[in-house]
Protein backbone atom coordinates (compact mmCIF):
# COMPACT_ATOMS: atom_id res chain seq x y z
CA GLU A 1 0.00 0.00 0.00
CA PRO A 2 2.16 2.87 -1.23
CA THR A 3 -0.19 5.52 0.19
CA GLY A 4 -1.56 3.69 3.24
CA ASN A 5 -0.43 6.13 5.96
CA LEU A 6 -0.11 9.31 3.93
CA ASP A 7 -2.21 12.46 3.84
CA LEU A 8 -4.28 13.07 0.68
CA LYS A 9 -1.85 15.56 -0.89
CA THR A 10 1.22 13.36 -0.45
CA GLY A 11 -0.75 10.30 -1.57
CA ALA A 12 -1.75 12.12 -4.77
CA GLU A 13 1.93 12.97 -5.38
CA ILE A 14 2.89 9.29 -5.02
CA HIS A 15 0.08 8.32 -7.42
CA ALA A 16 1.40 10.82 -9.95
CA ILE A 17 4.97 9.49 -9.65
CA LEU A 18 3.85 5.87 -10.15
CA HIS A 19 1.66 6.84 -13.11
CA ARG A 20 4.49 8.86 -14.69
CA LEU A 21 6.99 6.00 -14.27
CA ASN A 22 4.58 3.69 -16.05
CA LYS A 23 3.69 6.01 -18.92
CA GLU A 24 7.07 7.64 -19.55
CA ARG A 25 9.46 4.78 -18.80
CA GLY A 26 7.32 1.71 -19.36
CA VAL A 27 7.81 0.55 -15.77
CA THR A 28 5.29 -2.03 -14.59
CA VAL A 29 3.92 -1.05 -11.19
CA ILE A 30 2.34 -3.74 -9.02
CA CYS A 31 0.58 -2.51 -5.88
CA ALA A 32 -1.69 -4.06 -3.30
CA THR A 33 -4.18 -1.41 -2.26
CA HIS A 34 -7.65 -0.62 -0.99
CA ASP A 35 -7.25 2.95 -2.30
CA HIS A 36 -9.69 3.43 -5.16
CA ARG A 37 -7.81 6.53 -6.30
CA LEU A 38 -4.83 4.32 -7.15
CA ILE A 39 -7.08 1.74 -8.78
CA SER A 40 -8.45 4.46 -11.06
CA LEU A 41 -4.93 4.95 -12.53
CA SER A 42 -4.48 1.26 -13.32
CA ASP A 43 -4.61 -0.50 -16.68
CA ARG A 44 -5.52 -3.88 -15.18
CA ILE A 45 -6.90 -4.94 -11.82
CA LEU A 46 -6.40 -8.31 -10.15
CA TRP A 47 -8.45 -9.50 -7.20
CA ILE A 48 -6.66 -11.95 -4.91
CA ARG A 49 -8.40 -14.09 -2.30
CA ASP A 50 -6.70 -16.64 -0.07
CA GLY A 51 -3.48 -16.31 -2.07
CA GLN A 52 -5.14 -17.12 -5.40
CA VAL A 53 -5.98 -14.82 -8.30
CA GLU A 54 -9.76 -14.68 -8.25
CA ARG A 55 -10.41 -12.25 -11.09
CA ILE A 56 -8.53 -10.15 -13.66
CA ALA A 57 -10.15 -7.22 -15.44
CA ASN A 58 -9.12 -4.37 -17.69
CA ARG A 59 -9.53 -1.06 -15.89
CA SER A 60 -11.85 0.15 -18.66
CA ASP A 61 -14.29 -2.65 -17.78
CA VAL A 62 -14.51 -1.70 -14.09
CA THR A 63 -16.42 1.22 -12.59
CA VAL A 64 -14.48 2.89 -9.78
CA GLU A 65 -15.99 5.73 -7.80
CA THR A 66 -14.28 7.85 -5.17
CA GLY A 67 -15.78 10.40 -2.85
CA THR A 68 -14.42 13.06 -0.58
CA ILE A 69 -12.69 12.88 2.77
CA GLY A 70 -13.08 15.85 5.04
CA GLY A 71 -14.36 17.94 2.14
CA GLU A 72 -11.25 17.36 0.01
CA GLU A 73 -11.78 16.07 -3.51
CA ASN A 74 -9.86 12.94 -4.44
CA GLU A 75 -7.84 13.18 -7.62
């Protein structure tokens, strides 16, 4: 969880760095997260249960919604 204990602003900066590394340098980024803001930047999403891949989907086939925390918009 690359943003697990970070404030929203710093978390957004980490998201931007990971996204930029992927798009500009072709780096594959693998993250375990519950943060839907990070999921929204992904190309593919894998669900893992009990150590086994349960489902794989293209990001474009999955609806991800985020809300606000303390009045701050998620990016």
